[in-house]
Amino acid sequence: MTAQPDNPLDAVPVAPGRWPLLGHTPGLLRRRVGFTSSLRAHGDLVRIYLGPLPTYVVTSPELVHQVLVTDGNRFEKGIMFDRFRPHFGNGIAMSNGAFHRRQRRLVQPAFHRERITDYTAVMARRATQLADTWAAGQVVQFDLAMQKLAVDIAGETLFSTELGAAAIGEAQRSMPIVIKQGMIRALSPAFLQKLPIPGNRRFDQAITRLRTIVREVIAAGRADGTDRGDVLSMLLLARDADTGEGMSDQQVYDEVVTLLTGGIEPSGLALSWFFHEVARDRRIEQRLHAEVDEVLSGREVTADDVPKLVYTRQIAHEVLRCYPIWLLMRRTCAEVELGGVRLPPGTEVTLSPHALHHDPRTFPDPDRFDPDRFTPDRISALPKGAYVPFSAGVHQCIGNVFALTEITVAAATLAARWRLVPVAGKPVHQKVTGAAYPSQLPMTVEPRTA
């Protein structure tokens, strides 16, 4: 592979707004989605600097698909993951190469179809229990309620013990701190994370608390040695098909933290935005209610119902389009020609799912919420690389089916019983760190039937 002679690496356009020493980091952290969305105007491949470090941002679906899928084996996790790895461990979300492939094989059985069927019953039961606690006219802090629901579902599927419940409680307390401060660390010059500033102290304390309780749960599970039907048991009992070896306690810890990180915040946020958007459009709400009434007929959701909840899943996909993760980073581990430019090994490459999902060339009027973007025929016609809520390729999120199932089951369960109505005078704004959080989300609970 050779670069075009008239397009050398140093000819890649540099985004405006570079600061001395700090590079584009101030603009990234201050404007976030505005900054990354602005980069497409400068080309399909744009250079920015994280401090003194250059990184090449891909802004077109074609190049994103190349990075994640076509040439996925030529990329590994980038500098953002290097910054996270000492604190989050080397689980499948952080690892690379042969070790990543081995760990993925060991973890994958936890997300096989039959396991997802079992988890569906947990999702429906937990959502029903939550719906049972509401009363007509009650104002619910809905984002907090959805985070709690996601915690309960993760707790029962990941850990089945009383000590596991304590670990989930700690995860609910500490994960928002870890994710927010971790993103700031990942995008900032390395020396800043060593300074004794409040954000660093909160991050270190949260990591320490989480590490302590999760290791206690693992030790108890190792001593028990039985399959309790939860994910932790499966991880402790998993054996490599080639070597017969299992995971060390450290490897189990790394995978548990990975699953906690990916299994609580994203699902809770998606459910929050789901009902926020449904409540803003009466036509969408009516179609949702008609579908859940027809499919469920007043009974609890089962795994067999999930494929029939077509419009519910369209809403879920549109939520994942509108409110995805902000940034993903990769690093070349072999020479790659990207957009006619030859990138040597060790080059940092960045993509923004949020910017891709709001690109008007792919999604006209991208700020309009429209579940019909994801009808079966339209979703199949999307350009490869245009819609990547769970990444793609060798590093695609292993829990993508679990997450979409959880959103669908919980949303259908709640929508079958209740309308969630916005509270007047309480505007909702989007706050983006690594993920998109609502500034507030109070909603009034109204029964579907008199």
Protein backbone atom coordinates (compact mmCIF):
# COMPACT_ATOMS: atom_id res chain seq x y z
CA MET A 1 0.00 0.00 0.00
CA THR A 2 1.43 3.36 -1.01
CA ALA A 3 0.23 6.89 -0.38
CA GLN A 4 -0.57 9.17 -3.27
CA PRO A 5 2.48 11.33 -4.02
CA ASP A 6 0.42 14.54 -3.92
CA ASN A 7 -1.27 13.68 -0.62
CA PRO A 8 1.39 13.01 2.03
CA LEU A 9 0.56 12.52 5.70
CA ASP A 10 1.44 16.09 6.61
CA ALA A 11 -1.08 17.33 4.05
CA VAL A 12 -4.02 16.07 6.12
CA PRO A 13 -5.89 19.25 7.15
CA VAL A 14 -5.52 20.38 10.75
CA ALA A 15 -8.72 21.45 12.50
CA PRO A 16 -8.86 25.09 13.58
CA GLY A 17 -8.64 26.02 17.24
CA ARG A 18 -5.34 24.40 18.24
CA TRP A 19 -3.82 25.77 21.46
CA PRO A 20 -0.12 25.81 22.35
CA LEU A 21 0.81 22.73 24.44
CA LEU A 22 -2.85 21.72 24.98
CA GLY A 23 -3.68 21.21 21.32
CA HIS A 24 -7.41 20.81 20.60
CA THR A 25 -8.21 19.36 24.05
CA PRO A 26 -9.81 22.59 25.37
CA GLY A 27 -12.13 22.74 22.37
CA LEU A 28 -12.97 19.05 22.66
CA LEU A 29 -13.86 19.29 26.33
CA ARG A 30 -15.67 22.61 26.05
CA ARG A 31 -17.72 22.03 22.87
CA ARG A 32 -17.64 18.21 22.68
CA VAL A 33 -20.28 17.18 20.12
CA GLY A 34 -20.18 20.59 18.47
CA PHE A 35 -16.45 20.25 17.94
CA THR A 36 -16.51 16.72 16.54
CA SER A 37 -19.51 17.44 14.30
CA SER A 38 -17.69 20.46 12.84
CA LEU A 39 -14.79 18.33 11.60
CA ARG A 40 -16.65 16.82 8.63
CA ALA A 41 -16.52 20.26 6.97
CA HIS A 42 -12.72 19.88 6.72
CA GLY A 43 -12.68 16.49 5.00
CA ASP A 44 -13.04 12.76 5.50
CA LEU A 45 -9.74 12.66 7.42
CA VAL A 46 -8.85 15.55 9.74
CA ARG A 47 -5.92 15.98 12.10
CA ILE A 48 -6.38 17.18 15.67
CA TYR A 49 -3.98 17.26 18.62
CA LEU A 50 -4.53 15.92 22.13
CA GLY A 51 -1.88 18.02 23.78
CA PRO A 52 1.13 17.44 21.51
CA LEU A 53 -0.18 14.09 20.22
CA PRO A 54 -1.66 14.06 16.70
CA THR A 55 -4.75 11.94 16.07
CA TYR A 56 -6.54 11.51 12.76
CA VAL A 57 -10.33 11.83 12.90
CA VAL A 58 -12.34 9.89 10.32
CA THR A 59 -15.62 11.60 9.50
CA SER A 60 -17.17 9.50 6.70
CA PRO A 61 -19.04 6.18 7.05
CA GLU A 62 -16.75 4.57 4.47
CA LEU A 63 -13.58 5.29 6.43
CA VAL A 64 -15.24 4.37 9.73
CA HIS A 65 -16.20 0.98 8.28
CA GLN A 66 -12.64 0.50 7.07
CA VAL A 67 -11.22 1.28 10.51
CA LEU A 68 -13.67 -0.89 12.44
CA VAL A 69 -14.34 -3.76 10.04
CA THR A 70 -12.48 -4.01 6.70
CA ASP A 71 -9.05 -3.30 8.19
CA GLY A 72 -10.10 -3.96 11.79
CA ASN A 73 -7.19 -6.35 12.34
CA ARG A 74 -4.79 -3.52 11.53
CA PHE A 75 -6.09 -1.45 14.44
CA GLU A 76 -5.99 -1.86 18.21
CA LYS A 77 -7.49 0.17 21.04
CA GLY A 78 -6.03 3.68 21.13
CA ILE A 79 -4.66 6.10 23.70
CA MET A 80 -8.03 6.62 25.39
CA PHE A 81 -8.00 2.95 26.36
CA ASP A 82 -4.37 3.21 27.49
CA ARG A 83 -5.47 5.87 29.95
CA PHE A 84 -8.44 3.78 31.14
CA ARG A 85 -6.67 0.40 31.32
CA PRO A 86 -4.79 0.89 34.64
CA HIS A 87 -8.12 1.58 36.33
CA PHE A 88 -10.63 -0.52 34.35
CA GLY A 89 -8.36 -3.51 33.78
CA ASN A 90 -7.62 -5.42 30.59
CA GLY A 91 -11.07 -6.87 29.88
CA ILE A 92 -12.54 -7.34 26.42
CA ALA A 93 -13.39 -3.63 26.14
CA MET A 94 -9.74 -2.68 26.74
CA SER A 95 -7.62 -5.58 25.45
CA ASN A 96 -6.04 -6.23 22.06
CA GLY A 97 -4.74 -9.01 19.87
CA ALA A 98 -4.64 -12.68 20.82
CA PHE A 99 -5.48 -11.98 24.46
CA HIS A 100 -8.62 -10.10 23.40
CA ARG A 101 -9.70 -12.96 21.15
CA ARG A 102 -9.16 -15.50 23.97
CA GLN A 103 -11.14 -13.45 26.49
CA ARG A 104 -13.93 -12.84 24.02
CA ARG A 105 -14.26 -16.61 23.47
CA LEU A 106 -14.46 -17.16 27.23
CA VAL A 107 -17.02 -14.40 27.84
CA GLN A 108 -19.18 -15.01 24.76
CA PRO A 109 -21.23 -17.90 26.25
CA ALA A 110 -22.71 -15.43 28.76
CA PHE A 111 -24.46 -13.77 25.81
CA HIS A 112 -25.61 -16.81 23.83
CA ARG A 113 -29.25 -16.93 22.75
CA GLU A 114 -30.37 -19.26 25.55
CA ARG A 115 -28.77 -17.02 28.17
CA ILE A 116 -30.45 -13.94 26.67
CA THR A 117 -33.77 -15.81 26.92
CA ASP A 118 -33.15 -16.34 30.64
CA TYR A 119 -32.13 -12.70 31.09
CA THR A 120 -35.34 -11.55 29.33
CA ALA A 121 -37.40 -12.99 32.18
CA VAL A 122 -35.29 -11.00 34.66
CA MET A 123 -35.68 -7.81 32.61
CA ALA A 124 -39.47 -8.16 32.41
CA ARG A 125 -39.86 -9.03 36.09
CA ARG A 126 -37.69 -6.14 37.28
CA ALA A 127 -39.50 -3.65 35.01
CA THR A 128 -42.87 -4.96 36.24
CA GLN A 129 -41.77 -4.56 39.86
CA LEU A 130 -40.82 -0.95 39.14
CA ALA A 131 -44.14 -0.25 37.38
CA ASP A 132 -45.96 -1.67 40.41
CA THR A 133 -44.39 0.97 42.69
CA TRP A 134 -45.81 3.95 40.77
CA ALA A 135 -49.12 5.70 41.48
CA ALA A 136 -51.28 7.86 39.27
CA GLY A 137 -50.14 11.48 39.32
CA GLN A 138 -46.79 10.68 40.89
CA VAL A 139 -43.80 12.72 39.70
CA VAL A 140 -40.85 10.39 39.12
CA GLN A 141 -37.23 11.43 38.63
CA PHE A 142 -37.26 9.25 35.59
CA ASP A 143 -33.56 9.22 34.71
CA LEU A 144 -32.75 8.05 38.24
CA ALA A 145 -35.50 5.43 38.06
CA MET A 146 -34.10 4.05 34.79
CA GLN A 147 -30.57 3.94 36.19
CA LYS A 148 -31.91 2.03 39.18
CA LEU A 149 -33.76 -0.37 36.87
CA ALA A 150 -30.59 -0.97 34.85
CA VAL A 151 -28.69 -1.56 38.11
CA ASP A 152 -31.29 -4.09 39.28
CA ILE A 153 -31.19 -5.97 35.98
CA ALA A 154 -27.40 -5.98 35.90
CA GLY A 155 -27.29 -7.05 39.53
CA GLU A 156 -29.48 -10.10 39.05
CA THR A 157 -27.90 -11.20 35.78
CA LEU A 158 -24.30 -10.52 36.78
CA PHE A 159 -24.34 -11.41 40.49
CA SER A 160 -26.89 -13.54 42.32
CA THR A 161 -25.58 -13.16 45.87
CA GLU A 162 -26.21 -10.67 48.66
CA LEU A 163 -22.59 -9.52 48.43
CA GLY A 164 -23.16 -9.04 44.71
CA ALA A 165 -26.00 -6.65 45.51
CA ALA A 166 -23.53 -4.55 47.52
CA ALA A 167 -21.17 -4.49 44.54
CA ILE A 168 -23.96 -3.30 42.26
CA GLY A 169 -24.83 -0.57 44.76
CA GLU A 170 -21.24 0.59 44.75
CA ALA A 171 -21.19 0.50 40.96
CA GLN A 172 -24.25 2.76 40.88
CA ARG A 173 -22.48 5.20 43.18
CA SER A 174 -19.03 5.14 41.59
CA MET A 175 -19.49 4.48 37.86
CA PRO A 176 -20.78 7.97 36.93
CA ILE A 177 -17.71 9.48 38.58
CA VAL A 178 -15.34 7.03 36.93
CA ILE A 179 -16.81 7.49 33.45
CA LYS A 180 -16.97 11.28 33.57
CA GLN A 181 -13.52 11.85 35.09
CA GLY A 182 -12.04 9.02 33.03
CA MET A 183 -13.07 10.72 29.79
CA ILE A 184 -11.49 13.99 30.94
CA ARG A 185 -8.27 12.10 31.77
CA ALA A 186 -8.26 10.29 28.45
CA LEU A 187 -8.40 13.51 26.44
CA SER A 188 -6.00 15.55 28.59
CA PRO A 189 -2.20 15.62 28.68
CA ALA A 190 -0.89 12.85 30.94
CA PHE A 191 0.63 15.17 33.54
CA LEU A 192 -2.81 16.52 34.51
CA GLN A 193 -3.96 13.19 35.97
CA LYS A 194 -1.17 13.37 38.57
CA LEU A 195 -2.25 16.72 39.96
CA PRO A 196 -4.07 16.68 43.36
CA ILE A 197 -7.21 18.32 42.00
CA PRO A 198 -10.76 17.43 43.16
CA GLY A 199 -11.69 15.53 40.00
CA ASN A 200 -8.63 13.29 40.28
CA ARG A 201 -9.32 12.60 43.95
CA ARG A 202 -12.94 11.66 43.27
CA PHE A 203 -11.84 9.36 40.45
CA ASP A 204 -9.19 7.58 42.55
CA GLN A 205 -11.55 7.14 45.50
CA ALA A 206 -14.33 5.73 43.31
CA ILE A 207 -11.97 3.24 41.63
CA THR A 208 -10.66 2.10 45.03
CA ARG A 209 -14.16 1.51 46.42
CA LEU A 210 -15.26 -0.40 43.35
CA ARG A 211 -12.12 -2.53 43.23
CA THR A 212 -12.49 -3.55 46.87
CA ILE A 213 -16.10 -4.77 46.72
CA VAL A 214 -15.82 -6.53 43.34
CA ARG A 215 -12.78 -8.49 44.49
CA GLU A 216 -14.70 -9.59 47.59
CA VAL A 217 -17.52 -10.87 45.37
CA ILE A 218 -15.08 -12.77 43.15
CA ALA A 219 -13.38 -14.37 46.15
CA ALA A 220 -16.74 -15.51 47.50
CA GLY A 221 -17.77 -16.91 44.13
CA ARG A 222 -14.47 -18.74 43.72
CA ALA A 223 -14.91 -20.33 47.15
CA ASP A 224 -18.48 -21.39 46.32
CA GLY A 225 -17.48 -22.99 43.01
CA THR A 226 -21.01 -23.65 41.71
CA ASP A 227 -22.95 -22.32 38.72
CA ARG A 228 -25.65 -20.05 40.16
CA GLY A 229 -26.92 -19.11 36.71
CA ASP A 230 -25.33 -15.65 36.78
CA VAL A 231 -22.58 -14.20 34.62
CA LEU A 232 -20.00 -14.24 37.40
CA SER A 233 -20.40 -18.02 37.83
CA MET A 234 -19.94 -18.49 34.10
CA LEU A 235 -16.75 -16.41 34.12
CA LEU A 236 -15.32 -18.31 37.08
CA LEU A 237 -16.12 -21.70 35.52
CA ALA A 238 -15.16 -20.86 31.90
CA ARG A 239 -12.31 -22.87 30.36
CA ASP A 240 -10.32 -22.22 27.20
CA ALA A 241 -11.21 -24.86 24.61
CA ASP A 242 -7.58 -25.19 23.48
CA THR A 243 -5.69 -25.12 26.77
CA GLY A 244 -8.31 -26.01 29.38
CA GLU A 245 -7.20 -23.01 31.41
CA GLY A 246 -9.62 -20.72 33.21
CA MET A 247 -9.36 -17.05 34.09
CA SER A 248 -7.32 -15.73 36.97
CA ASP A 249 -9.07 -13.64 39.61
CA GLN A 250 -7.56 -10.54 37.98
CA GLN A 251 -8.96 -11.48 34.57
CA VAL A 252 -12.39 -12.14 36.08
CA TYR A 253 -12.20 -8.77 37.84
CA ASP A 254 -11.33 -7.03 34.57
CA GLU A 255 -14.28 -8.62 32.78
CA VAL A 256 -16.70 -7.86 35.62
CA VAL A 257 -15.71 -4.19 35.62
CA THR A 258 -16.09 -4.15 31.84
CA LEU A 259 -19.61 -5.58 32.08
CA LEU A 260 -20.54 -3.20 34.90
CA THR A 261 -19.33 -0.23 32.86
CA GLY A 262 -21.19 -1.29 29.74
CA GLY A 263 -24.26 -2.78 31.39
CA ILE A 264 -25.58 -0.05 33.65
CA GLU A 265 -25.12 3.49 32.36
CA PRO A 266 -25.83 2.95 28.62
CA SER A 267 -29.08 1.02 29.15
CA GLY A 268 -30.34 3.39 31.84
CA LEU A 269 -29.63 6.42 29.68
CA ALA A 270 -31.22 4.85 26.60
CA LEU A 271 -34.42 4.11 28.52
CA SER A 272 -34.46 7.65 29.90
CA TRP A 273 -34.18 9.19 26.44
CA PHE A 274 -36.66 6.64 25.03
CA PHE A 275 -39.54 7.92 27.16
CA HIS A 276 -38.42 11.53 26.91
CA GLU A 277 -38.70 11.34 23.13
CA VAL A 278 -41.94 9.31 23.14
CA ALA A 279 -43.54 11.90 25.42
CA ARG A 280 -42.66 14.68 22.99
CA ASP A 281 -44.60 13.21 20.06
CA ARG A 282 -48.14 11.97 20.57
CA ARG A 283 -48.13 10.04 17.27
CA ILE A 284 -45.07 8.04 18.29
CA GLU A 285 -46.61 7.39 21.70
CA GLN A 286 -49.87 6.15 20.17
CA ARG A 287 -48.05 3.77 17.82
CA LEU A 288 -45.97 2.43 20.70
CA HIS A 289 -49.04 1.85 22.87
CA ALA A 290 -50.94 0.19 20.03
CA GLU A 291 -48.07 -2.23 19.43
CA VAL A 292 -47.53 -3.24 23.06
CA ASP A 293 -51.28 -3.69 23.55
CA GLU A 294 -51.52 -5.92 20.48
CA VAL A 295 -48.42 -8.00 21.22
CA LEU A 296 -48.74 -8.36 24.98
CA SER A 297 -52.50 -8.27 25.59
CA GLY A 298 -51.90 -7.33 29.21
CA ARG A 299 -49.37 -10.05 30.07
CA GLU A 300 -45.64 -9.84 30.87
CA VAL A 301 -43.11 -9.68 28.03
CA THR A 302 -41.42 -12.94 27.05
CA ALA A 303 -38.41 -13.63 24.84
CA ASP A 304 -40.78 -14.72 22.04
CA ASP A 305 -42.38 -11.26 22.06
CA VAL A 306 -39.18 -9.33 21.43
CA PRO A 307 -39.06 -9.89 17.62
CA LYS A 308 -42.73 -8.88 17.40
CA LEU A 309 -42.13 -5.50 19.09
CA VAL A 310 -40.94 -4.02 15.80
CA TYR A 311 -41.86 -0.37 16.37
CA THR A 312 -40.58 -0.48 19.95
CA ARG A 313 -37.21 -1.57 18.61
CA GLN A 314 -37.33 1.15 15.94
CA ILE A 315 -37.70 3.72 18.72
CA ALA A 316 -34.79 2.08 20.56
CA HIS A 317 -32.60 2.30 17.45
CA GLU A 318 -33.49 5.96 16.95
CA VAL A 319 -32.61 6.64 20.59
CA LEU A 320 -29.24 4.95 20.04
CA ARG A 321 -28.74 7.07 16.94
CA CYS A 322 -29.55 10.34 18.68
CA TYR A 323 -27.75 9.67 21.98
CA PRO A 324 -24.72 7.44 21.30
CA ILE A 325 -21.27 7.43 22.83
CA TRP A 326 -19.31 10.52 21.87
CA LEU A 327 -15.86 9.19 20.91
CA LEU A 328 -14.02 5.98 20.04
CA MET A 329 -10.28 5.76 19.53
CA ARG A 330 -8.11 3.27 17.70
CA ARG A 331 -4.39 2.93 16.94
CA THR A 332 -2.79 1.42 13.86
CA CYS A 333 -0.79 -1.73 14.62
CA ALA A 334 0.25 -2.10 10.98
CA GLU A 335 0.58 0.29 8.07
CA VAL A 336 -2.84 1.35 6.76
CA GLU A 337 -3.85 3.44 3.79
CA LEU A 338 -6.80 5.51 4.91
CA GLY A 339 -8.44 7.98 2.58
CA GLY A 340 -5.43 7.86 0.28
CA VAL A 341 -3.04 8.62 3.14
CA ARG A 342 -0.55 6.07 4.44
CA LEU A 343 -0.63 5.87 8.23
CA PRO A 344 2.36 4.19 9.87
CA PRO A 345 2.00 1.78 12.83
CA GLY A 346 1.31 3.59 16.08
CA THR A 347 -0.88 6.32 14.56
CA GLU A 348 -3.85 7.37 16.68
CA VAL A 349 -7.21 7.41 14.88
CA THR A 350 -10.48 8.79 16.29
CA LEU A 351 -14.13 8.54 15.27
CA SER A 352 -17.28 10.03 16.75
CA PRO A 353 -20.45 7.90 16.67
CA HIS A 354 -22.37 11.02 17.66
CA ALA A 355 -21.05 12.99 14.68
CA LEU A 356 -21.73 10.08 12.31
CA HIS A 357 -25.28 9.65 13.61
CA HIS A 358 -25.98 13.36 13.12
CA ASP A 359 -24.47 13.66 9.64
CA PRO A 360 -27.21 15.15 7.42
CA ARG A 361 -25.72 13.41 4.38
CA THR A 362 -26.85 10.08 5.87
CA PHE A 363 -29.64 11.17 8.22
CA PRO A 364 -31.53 14.15 6.76
CA ASP A 365 -32.77 16.57 9.41
CA PRO A 366 -30.63 14.67 11.95
CA ASP A 367 -31.94 16.48 15.04
CA ARG A 368 -35.50 15.32 14.34
CA PHE A 369 -36.51 12.17 16.24
CA ASP A 370 -37.96 9.73 13.69
CA PRO A 371 -38.18 5.99 14.47
CA ASP A 372 -39.18 5.32 10.86
CA ARG A 373 -35.54 5.82 9.92
CA PHE A 374 -35.14 2.26 11.20
CA THR A 375 -37.83 0.34 9.39
CA PRO A 376 -36.35 -3.00 8.23
CA ASP A 377 -35.86 -1.83 4.65
CA ARG A 378 -34.33 1.53 5.59
CA ILE A 379 -31.93 0.14 8.19
CA SER A 380 -30.62 -2.39 5.67
CA ALA A 381 -30.01 0.43 3.17
CA LEU A 382 -27.82 2.49 5.53
CA PRO A 383 -24.21 2.89 4.38
CA LYS A 384 -21.81 0.63 6.24
CA GLY A 385 -20.20 2.58 9.06
CA ALA A 386 -22.99 5.16 9.29
CA TYR A 387 -24.70 3.68 12.37
CA VAL A 388 -22.35 2.26 15.01
CA PRO A 389 -24.00 2.50 18.47
CA PHE A 390 -22.12 -0.61 19.63
CA SER A 391 -19.00 -0.08 17.47
CA ALA A 392 -18.44 -2.83 14.87
CA GLY A 393 -16.04 -5.52 13.75
CA VAL A 394 -13.68 -7.44 16.03
CA HIS A 395 -14.23 -5.00 18.91
CA GLN A 396 -18.02 -4.71 18.65
CA CYS A 397 -19.68 -4.57 22.07
CA ILE A 398 -20.24 -8.14 23.20
CA GLY A 399 -23.44 -7.15 25.00
CA ASN A 400 -25.17 -5.45 22.05
CA VAL A 401 -28.02 -7.99 21.83
CA PHE A 402 -28.43 -7.93 25.62
CA ALA A 403 -28.67 -4.12 25.61
CA LEU A 404 -31.18 -3.86 22.76
CA THR A 405 -33.27 -6.62 24.33
CA GLU A 406 -33.21 -4.88 27.71
CA ILE A 407 -34.34 -1.55 26.24
CA THR A 408 -37.13 -3.24 24.26
CA VAL A 409 -38.42 -5.40 27.12
CA ALA A 410 -38.29 -2.67 29.77
CA ALA A 411 -39.83 -0.04 27.49
CA ALA A 412 -42.69 -2.32 26.43
CA THR A 413 -43.36 -3.31 30.04
CA LEU A 414 -43.59 0.27 31.27
CA ALA A 415 -45.50 1.55 28.22
CA ALA A 416 -48.13 -1.17 28.61
CA ARG A 417 -49.06 0.25 32.03
CA TRP A 418 -48.20 3.94 32.10
CA ARG A 419 -47.89 7.17 30.16
CA LEU A 420 -44.87 9.23 31.15
CA VAL A 421 -45.67 12.94 30.82
CA PRO A 422 -43.12 15.78 30.96
CA VAL A 423 -43.36 18.16 33.89
CA ALA A 424 -44.18 21.71 32.80
CA GLY A 425 -41.47 24.26 33.49
CA LYS A 426 -38.72 21.63 33.76
CA PRO A 427 -36.79 21.83 30.46
CA VAL A 428 -34.50 18.91 29.63
CA HIS A 429 -31.07 19.52 28.15
CA GLN A 430 -28.43 17.09 26.96
CA LYS A 431 -25.12 17.00 28.84
CA VAL A 432 -22.36 15.07 27.09
CA THR A 433 -19.31 13.64 28.83
CA GLY A 434 -18.48 10.32 27.18
CA ALA A 435 -22.21 9.58 27.02
CA ALA A 436 -25.28 11.82 26.78
CA TYR A 437 -27.02 12.56 30.09
CA PRO A 438 -30.27 14.48 30.62
CA SER A 439 -29.83 17.58 32.77
CA GLN A 440 -32.99 16.51 34.62
CA LEU A 441 -35.93 14.29 33.73
CA PRO A 442 -38.93 14.57 36.03
CA MET A 443 -42.00 12.89 34.54
CA THR A 444 -45.55 12.49 35.76
CA VAL A 445 -46.96 8.98 35.80
CA GLU A 446 -50.41 8.59 34.26
CA PRO A 447 -52.20 5.24 34.00
CA ARG A 448 -52.96 4.00 30.48
CA THR A 449 -56.51 2.98 31.47
CA ALA A 450 -59.03 4.56 33.82
